[in-house]
Amino acid sequence: MSSNHPPERPEPAPAPADAPPVSVIMPVLNEERHLRASVEHILRQDYPGELEVVIALGPSTDRTDAIAAELVAETADHPRCRVVTVPNPTGRTPAALNAAIKASRHPVVVRVDGHGMLSADYIARAVRLLEETGAANVGGIMHAEGENDWERAVAAAMTSRIGVGNAAFHTGGTAGPAETVYLGVFRREVLERQGGYNEEFIRAQDWELNHRIRKDGGLIWFSPELLVSYRPRPTVRALARQYRDYGRWRRVVARYHPGSINLRYLAPPTAVVAIAAGLLIGVVGPALGAGAAAWALIVPGGYLAAVTAGSVPAGRGLPFGARLRIPVALTTMHMSWGWGFLTSPRKLAERVRAAR
């Protein structure tokens, strides 16, 4: 949305006892494209309790700060919904989250990113699930949605099994205990007991926090009822950087928390090594014999065939231009994640240990 007028909301009624006040925390950096719409999705929640949105502002170079200031002014006199800001001079996501948690006031804490759009009943359902399950953190589906052919291709890749494996928060699934969930709706006392997010984890901070919560006996609960629309990275380069960082920091988590890795996380780095070896042998193969080159190229050729075939069901119902781009998105995600995992320096995990 581009309007600067405050979102229309019904006159507030007294909140029922089973609708505790909720704090929504948002780390933002260069989010002028989506910030207003993201906050308005929060303010329009079908939830009768009090809401506050705490935006942690990184050093943006666009109009993010100005838009946040507009939102603060527009909600200043609202009796139940308010927006406030706190500074995050480092620009790092976990530092922003911790600053927002510290500035927030309420017993339920909802994490939302500046490019995430909550479904209308997200908070009401999450609060109910916290009560019904006794969970420390509940979360749902990262529903990627694009606004052009490239973003639609990335969204299709991010919600397909060939793109992200069997991760329920990407592809959906049945409700139940989980290793981690997308974003999360927490009990404040759980966050305080854990000391918040580990600020050394530039990426994978959600997974790392949820791992600590589970080790402490807390329940992480996934529910497909909870839906957050997500806007994918707008370019191949941005997507590659995102997934390289995901792989790099997932390796840090594995080193910091031994035994936390599983086969799904090893698939991309294995593919990178196998494809690189196949291409290398294919190049020098003539010196080894034509048969060696032919056999070596089976691996990269098979990968491209699998990605192309997997793109067909992933792109069903999309425009032709988006379907053509899905193999590029899939390859970028797989190879970047795998490369990041393989090249993750050990000193990152050592730095995390030293800081903790």
Protein backbone atom coordinates (compact mmCIF):
# COMPACT_ATOMS: atom_id res chain seq x y z
CA MET A 1 0.00 0.00 0.00
CA SER A 2 1.19 3.51 -0.70
CA SER A 3 -1.40 5.59 1.15
CA ASN A 4 -0.12 7.76 4.01
CA HIS A 5 -3.45 7.67 5.79
CA PRO A 6 -3.78 5.51 8.90
CA PRO A 7 -5.42 2.14 8.24
CA GLU A 8 -9.13 1.97 8.91
CA ARG A 9 -9.93 -0.03 12.02
CA PRO A 10 -13.13 -0.50 14.01
CA GLU A 11 -13.55 1.37 17.27
CA PRO A 12 -11.92 -0.69 20.01
CA ALA A 13 -13.95 -2.65 22.53
CA PRO A 14 -12.67 -3.90 25.88
CA ALA A 15 -10.29 -6.80 25.30
CA PRO A 16 -11.42 -10.18 26.67
CA ALA A 17 -9.35 -11.87 29.36
CA ASP A 18 -8.10 -14.53 26.93
CA ALA A 19 -6.60 -11.90 24.57
CA PRO A 20 -3.33 -10.90 26.24
CA PRO A 21 -1.55 -7.80 24.97
CA VAL A 22 0.93 -8.57 22.20
CA SER A 23 4.22 -7.00 21.14
CA VAL A 24 5.27 -7.33 17.50
CA ILE A 25 9.00 -6.88 16.90
CA MET A 26 10.37 -5.95 13.47
CA PRO A 27 14.01 -5.69 12.39
CA VAL A 28 14.17 -3.46 9.32
CA LEU A 29 16.88 -2.27 6.95
CA ASN A 30 16.13 -0.71 3.55
CA GLU A 31 12.49 -1.84 3.58
CA GLU A 32 10.80 1.17 1.96
CA ARG A 33 9.15 -1.09 -0.61
CA HIS A 34 7.20 -3.22 1.87
CA LEU A 35 7.35 -1.67 5.38
CA ARG A 36 4.05 0.23 5.30
CA ALA A 37 2.09 -2.74 3.98
CA SER A 38 3.73 -5.05 6.51
CA VAL A 39 2.82 -2.82 9.46
CA GLU A 40 -0.71 -2.26 8.19
CA HIS A 41 -1.21 -6.04 8.02
CA ILE A 42 -0.36 -6.07 11.74
CA LEU A 43 -2.60 -3.16 12.67
CA ARG A 44 -5.53 -4.72 10.82
CA GLN A 45 -5.27 -8.01 12.70
CA ASP A 46 -8.53 -9.62 13.76
CA TYR A 47 -7.39 -9.58 17.38
CA PRO A 48 -9.23 -7.88 20.27
CA GLY A 49 -6.22 -7.41 22.55
CA GLU A 50 -3.76 -4.54 22.74
CA LEU A 51 -1.03 -4.43 20.06
CA GLU A 52 2.27 -2.62 19.87
CA VAL A 53 4.71 -2.73 16.97
CA VAL A 54 8.35 -2.09 17.85
CA ILE A 55 10.43 -1.36 14.73
CA ALA A 56 14.20 -1.66 15.16
CA LEU A 57 15.70 0.69 12.57
CA GLY A 58 19.01 -0.22 10.97
CA PRO A 59 21.11 2.31 9.01
CA SER A 60 18.92 2.35 5.91
CA THR A 61 19.82 4.31 2.80
CA ASP A 62 16.26 4.59 1.48
CA ARG A 63 13.02 6.02 2.93
CA THR A 64 12.56 3.32 5.56
CA ASP A 65 13.10 5.69 8.52
CA ALA A 66 10.68 8.28 7.11
CA ILE A 67 7.97 5.66 6.57
CA ALA A 68 8.48 4.35 10.10
CA ALA A 69 8.12 7.90 11.46
CA GLU A 70 4.85 8.31 9.54
CA LEU A 71 3.51 5.09 11.06
CA VAL A 72 4.47 6.22 14.56
CA ALA A 73 2.62 9.52 14.07
CA GLU A 74 -0.46 7.87 12.59
CA THR A 75 -0.93 5.56 15.58
CA ALA A 76 0.05 7.99 18.35
CA ASP A 77 -3.54 8.57 19.50
CA HIS A 78 -4.91 5.09 18.95
CA PRO A 79 -6.03 3.56 22.27
CA ARG A 80 -5.02 -0.02 21.47
CA CYS A 81 -2.54 -0.11 18.58
CA ARG A 82 0.72 1.83 18.61
CA VAL A 83 3.95 1.86 16.62
CA VAL A 84 7.28 2.81 18.18
CA THR A 85 10.87 2.69 16.92
CA VAL A 86 14.23 1.88 18.46
CA PRO A 87 17.69 2.31 16.90
CA ASN A 88 19.80 -0.58 15.65
CA PRO A 89 23.06 1.07 14.58
CA THR A 90 24.77 -2.25 13.75
CA GLY A 91 22.15 -3.16 11.15
CA ARG A 92 22.39 -6.79 12.28
CA THR A 93 19.14 -8.71 12.52
CA PRO A 94 19.71 -10.41 15.92
CA ALA A 95 20.80 -7.12 17.51
CA ALA A 96 17.66 -5.49 16.12
CA LEU A 97 15.49 -8.26 17.53
CA ASN A 98 17.03 -7.98 20.98
CA ALA A 99 16.69 -4.19 20.99
CA ALA A 100 13.02 -4.50 20.04
CA ILE A 101 12.39 -7.17 22.68
CA LYS A 102 13.95 -4.94 25.33
CA ALA A 103 11.80 -1.99 24.30
CA SER A 104 8.57 -4.02 24.11
CA ARG A 105 6.18 -4.48 27.03
CA HIS A 106 3.82 -7.40 26.54
CA PRO A 107 3.77 -11.10 27.53
CA VAL A 108 3.42 -12.43 23.96
CA VAL A 109 6.12 -11.48 21.44
CA VAL A 110 5.56 -11.89 17.69
CA ARG A 111 8.47 -11.66 15.27
CA VAL A 112 7.75 -10.21 11.82
CA ASP A 113 10.18 -9.01 9.16
CA GLY A 114 9.75 -5.77 7.24
CA HIS A 115 8.79 -7.68 4.09
CA GLY A 116 6.41 -10.15 5.79
CA MET A 117 2.62 -9.86 5.60
CA LEU A 118 0.63 -11.55 8.38
CA SER A 119 -2.62 -13.27 7.49
CA ALA A 120 -5.60 -11.49 9.08
CA ASP A 121 -6.04 -13.91 12.00
CA TYR A 122 -2.37 -14.78 12.50
CA ILE A 123 -1.98 -13.31 16.00
CA ALA A 124 -5.34 -14.62 17.26
CA ARG A 125 -4.52 -18.15 16.08
CA ALA A 126 -0.98 -18.00 17.45
CA VAL A 127 -2.13 -16.87 20.90
CA ARG A 128 -4.69 -19.68 20.93
CA LEU A 129 -2.06 -22.24 19.94
CA LEU A 130 0.30 -21.05 22.67
CA GLU A 131 -2.46 -21.69 25.19
CA GLU A 132 -3.64 -25.01 23.74
CA THR A 133 -0.20 -26.58 23.23
CA GLY A 134 1.76 -25.04 26.08
CA ALA A 135 4.49 -24.32 23.52
CA ALA A 136 7.31 -21.87 24.08
CA ASN A 137 7.16 -20.76 20.44
CA VAL A 138 4.65 -21.34 17.67
CA GLY A 139 5.02 -20.60 13.98
CA GLY A 140 3.73 -21.54 10.59
CA ILE A 141 4.33 -21.25 6.87
CA MET A 142 6.66 -18.88 5.06
CA HIS A 143 4.35 -18.32 2.11
CA ALA A 144 6.58 -16.82 -0.57
CA GLU A 145 4.77 -14.59 -3.08
CA GLY A 146 6.33 -12.67 -5.95
CA GLU A 147 5.31 -9.48 -7.70
CA ASN A 148 7.09 -10.12 -11.03
CA ASP A 149 8.23 -13.15 -13.03
CA TRP A 150 11.58 -13.52 -11.27
CA GLU A 151 10.10 -13.20 -7.78
CA ARG A 152 7.31 -15.64 -8.69
CA ALA A 153 9.96 -18.11 -9.86
CA VAL A 154 11.85 -17.74 -6.57
CA ALA A 155 8.62 -18.13 -4.63
CA ALA A 156 7.84 -21.35 -6.49
CA ALA A 157 11.34 -22.66 -5.79
CA MET A 158 11.11 -21.74 -2.12
CA THR A 159 7.82 -23.58 -1.65
CA SER A 160 8.77 -26.77 -3.50
CA ARG A 161 10.40 -29.91 -2.14
CA ILE A 162 13.02 -29.86 -4.87
CA GLY A 163 13.95 -26.38 -3.68
CA VAL A 164 13.97 -26.73 0.11
CA GLY A 165 13.44 -30.42 0.88
CA ASN A 166 10.86 -31.38 3.46
CA ALA A 167 10.97 -28.21 5.58
CA ALA A 168 7.36 -27.89 6.74
CA PHE A 169 7.52 -24.12 7.22
CA HIS A 170 8.28 -23.80 3.49
CA THR A 171 6.14 -26.55 1.97
CA GLY A 172 3.41 -27.09 4.58
CA GLY A 173 2.53 -30.14 6.61
CA THR A 174 0.60 -31.31 9.64
CA ALA A 175 0.66 -29.49 12.96
CA GLY A 176 3.07 -30.78 15.57
CA PRO A 177 6.43 -30.39 17.32
CA ALA A 178 9.21 -29.02 15.12
CA GLU A 179 12.93 -28.24 15.21
CA THR A 180 12.26 -24.67 14.17
CA VAL A 181 9.51 -22.50 12.68
CA TYR A 182 9.36 -19.40 10.53
CA LEU A 183 9.67 -16.18 12.55
CA GLY A 184 7.82 -17.30 15.69
CA VAL A 185 5.36 -16.22 18.37
CA PHE A 186 6.99 -16.51 21.79
CA ARG A 187 6.19 -16.36 25.45
CA ARG A 188 8.21 -13.43 26.79
CA GLU A 189 9.50 -15.37 29.76
CA VAL A 190 11.07 -17.91 27.39
CA LEU A 191 12.96 -15.20 25.49
CA GLU A 192 14.14 -13.64 28.73
CA ARG A 193 15.27 -16.98 30.16
CA GLN A 194 17.30 -17.66 27.00
CA GLY A 195 18.81 -14.18 26.94
CA GLY A 196 17.17 -13.43 23.60
CA TYR A 197 18.86 -14.04 20.27
CA ASN A 198 22.57 -14.77 20.03
CA GLU A 199 23.82 -11.60 18.35
CA GLU A 200 26.86 -13.36 16.88
CA PHE A 201 24.56 -15.29 14.51
CA ILE A 202 24.17 -12.89 11.60
CA ARG A 203 21.99 -15.56 9.95
CA ALA A 204 20.31 -18.72 11.31
CA GLN A 205 19.54 -16.91 14.56
CA ASP A 206 16.01 -18.35 14.60
CA TRP A 207 17.24 -21.93 14.28
CA GLU A 208 19.89 -21.38 16.94
CA LEU A 209 17.44 -19.84 19.43
CA ASN A 210 14.89 -22.60 18.86
CA HIS A 211 17.63 -25.20 19.40
CA ARG A 212 18.41 -23.68 22.81
CA ILE A 213 14.72 -23.54 23.71
CA ARG A 214 14.32 -27.23 22.87
CA LYS A 215 17.42 -28.19 24.85
CA ASP A 216 15.90 -26.33 27.80
CA GLY A 217 12.76 -28.49 27.54
CA GLY A 218 10.60 -26.01 25.61
CA LEU A 219 8.22 -27.06 22.84
CA ILE A 220 8.46 -25.54 19.35
CA TRP A 221 5.12 -26.00 17.58
CA PHE A 222 4.46 -25.80 13.84
CA SER A 223 0.96 -25.14 12.55
CA PRO A 224 -0.11 -24.66 8.92
CA GLU A 225 -2.85 -22.37 10.30
CA LEU A 226 -0.24 -19.63 10.67
CA LEU A 227 0.55 -17.99 7.34
CA VAL A 228 3.00 -15.17 6.62
CA SER A 229 3.36 -13.91 3.07
CA TYR A 230 7.01 -13.34 2.21
CA ARG A 231 8.49 -11.22 -0.58
CA PRO A 232 11.52 -12.95 -2.22
CA ARG A 233 14.82 -11.30 -3.11
CA PRO A 234 14.44 -9.25 -6.32
CA THR A 235 17.60 -10.31 -8.21
CA VAL A 236 19.73 -13.39 -8.84
CA ARG A 237 22.63 -11.75 -7.04
CA ALA A 238 20.57 -10.93 -3.95
CA LEU A 239 19.16 -14.47 -3.85
CA ALA A 240 22.66 -15.97 -4.19
CA ARG A 241 23.96 -13.81 -1.34
CA GLN A 242 20.98 -14.74 0.84
CA TYR A 243 21.43 -18.48 0.35
CA ARG A 244 25.22 -18.33 0.61
CA ASP A 245 24.77 -16.71 4.02
CA TYR A 246 22.17 -19.31 4.99
CA GLY A 247 24.62 -22.12 4.22
CA ARG A 248 27.54 -20.37 5.89
CA TRP A 249 25.71 -19.76 9.14
CA ARG A 250 24.01 -23.15 9.21
CA ARG A 251 27.56 -24.59 9.28
CA VAL A 252 28.30 -22.31 12.25
CA VAL A 253 25.23 -23.67 14.05
CA ALA A 254 26.44 -27.23 13.36
CA ARG A 255 29.85 -26.45 14.84
CA TYR A 256 28.44 -24.53 17.80
CA HIS A 257 25.77 -27.15 18.54
CA PRO A 258 27.34 -30.54 17.67
CA GLY A 259 24.85 -33.15 16.51
CA SER A 260 22.36 -30.59 15.20
CA ILE A 261 22.97 -31.32 11.52
CA ASN A 262 20.93 -33.76 9.41
CA LEU A 263 21.07 -35.19 5.90
CA ARG A 264 18.82 -32.50 4.42
CA TYR A 265 21.43 -29.86 5.21
CA LEU A 266 24.22 -31.95 3.69
CA ALA A 267 22.51 -32.34 0.30
CA PRO A 268 23.50 -28.93 -1.19
CA PRO A 269 27.22 -29.09 -0.29
CA THR A 270 27.36 -32.68 -1.53
CA ALA A 271 25.79 -31.56 -4.82
CA VAL A 272 28.29 -28.71 -5.18
CA VAL A 273 31.26 -31.05 -4.68
CA ALA A 274 29.88 -33.72 -7.02
CA ILE A 275 29.00 -31.26 -9.79
CA ALA A 276 32.34 -29.45 -9.52
CA ALA A 277 34.21 -32.76 -9.65
CA GLY A 278 32.15 -33.90 -12.64
CA LEU A 279 32.82 -30.68 -14.57
CA LEU A 280 36.52 -30.76 -13.76
CA ILE A 281 36.93 -34.35 -14.89
CA GLY A 282 34.81 -33.55 -17.93
CA VAL A 283 37.24 -30.78 -18.91
CA VAL A 284 40.40 -32.84 -18.42
CA GLY A 285 38.66 -36.06 -19.41
CA PRO A 286 40.00 -36.25 -22.98
CA ALA A 287 43.47 -36.70 -21.53
CA LEU A 288 42.14 -39.59 -19.44
CA GLY A 289 40.04 -41.06 -22.21
CA ALA A 290 36.70 -40.18 -23.77
CA GLY A 291 34.88 -42.62 -21.51
CA ALA A 292 36.04 -40.86 -18.35
CA ALA A 293 34.75 -37.50 -19.59
CA ALA A 294 31.39 -38.96 -20.53
CA TRP A 295 30.91 -40.64 -17.16
CA ALA A 296 31.98 -37.51 -15.26
CA LEU A 297 29.41 -35.32 -17.02
CA ILE A 298 26.58 -37.61 -15.91
CA VAL A 299 26.49 -35.89 -12.51
CA PRO A 300 26.10 -32.23 -13.64
CA GLY A 301 23.91 -33.35 -16.53
CA GLY A 302 21.72 -35.36 -14.19
CA TYR A 303 21.43 -32.42 -11.82
CA LEU A 304 20.31 -30.07 -14.60
CA ALA A 305 17.80 -32.64 -15.81
CA ALA A 306 16.41 -33.09 -12.30
CA VAL A 307 16.12 -29.32 -11.74
CA THR A 308 14.41 -28.85 -15.09
CA ALA A 309 11.98 -31.70 -14.45
CA GLY A 310 11.27 -30.49 -10.91
CA SER A 311 10.52 -27.01 -12.22
CA VAL A 312 7.50 -28.27 -14.13
CA PRO A 313 5.25 -29.09 -11.15
CA ALA A 314 6.71 -26.19 -9.15
CA GLY A 315 5.68 -23.74 -11.86
CA ARG A 316 2.18 -25.03 -12.46
CA GLY A 317 -0.23 -22.14 -12.93
CA LEU A 318 2.49 -19.48 -13.27
CA PRO A 319 3.11 -17.24 -16.28
CA PHE A 320 5.48 -18.62 -18.90
CA GLY A 321 8.22 -16.13 -18.02
CA ALA A 322 8.16 -17.21 -14.38
CA ARG A 323 8.27 -20.91 -15.29
CA LEU A 324 11.36 -20.32 -17.45
CA ARG A 325 13.17 -18.75 -14.50
CA ILE A 326 12.49 -21.49 -11.93
CA PRO A 327 15.53 -23.64 -12.90
CA VAL A 328 17.74 -20.56 -12.45
CA ALA A 329 16.24 -19.88 -9.03
CA LEU A 330 16.63 -23.50 -7.93
CA THR A 331 20.23 -23.73 -9.10
CA THR A 332 21.10 -20.42 -7.45
CA MET A 333 19.60 -21.56 -4.13
CA HIS A 334 21.23 -25.01 -4.13
CA MET A 335 24.68 -23.97 -5.28
CA SER A 336 24.86 -20.83 -3.12
CA TRP A 337 23.72 -22.65 0.02
CA GLY A 338 26.15 -25.50 -0.61
CA TRP A 339 29.05 -23.15 -1.38
CA GLY A 340 28.34 -21.12 1.77
CA PHE A 341 28.30 -24.29 3.87
CA LEU A 342 31.57 -25.59 2.38
CA THR A 343 33.44 -22.29 2.70
CA SER A 344 32.14 -21.28 6.14
CA PRO A 345 35.29 -20.39 8.11
CA ARG A 346 35.81 -22.19 11.41
CA LYS A 347 36.70 -18.86 13.01
CA LEU A 348 33.02 -17.83 12.85
CA ALA A 349 32.04 -20.60 15.25
CA GLU A 350 35.07 -19.84 17.41
CA ARG A 351 34.02 -16.20 17.58
CA VAL A 352 30.51 -17.22 18.62
CA ARG A 353 31.91 -19.43 21.39
CA ALA A 354 34.19 -16.68 22.63
CA ALA A 355 31.38 -14.10 22.67
CA ARG A 356 28.99 -16.41 24.51
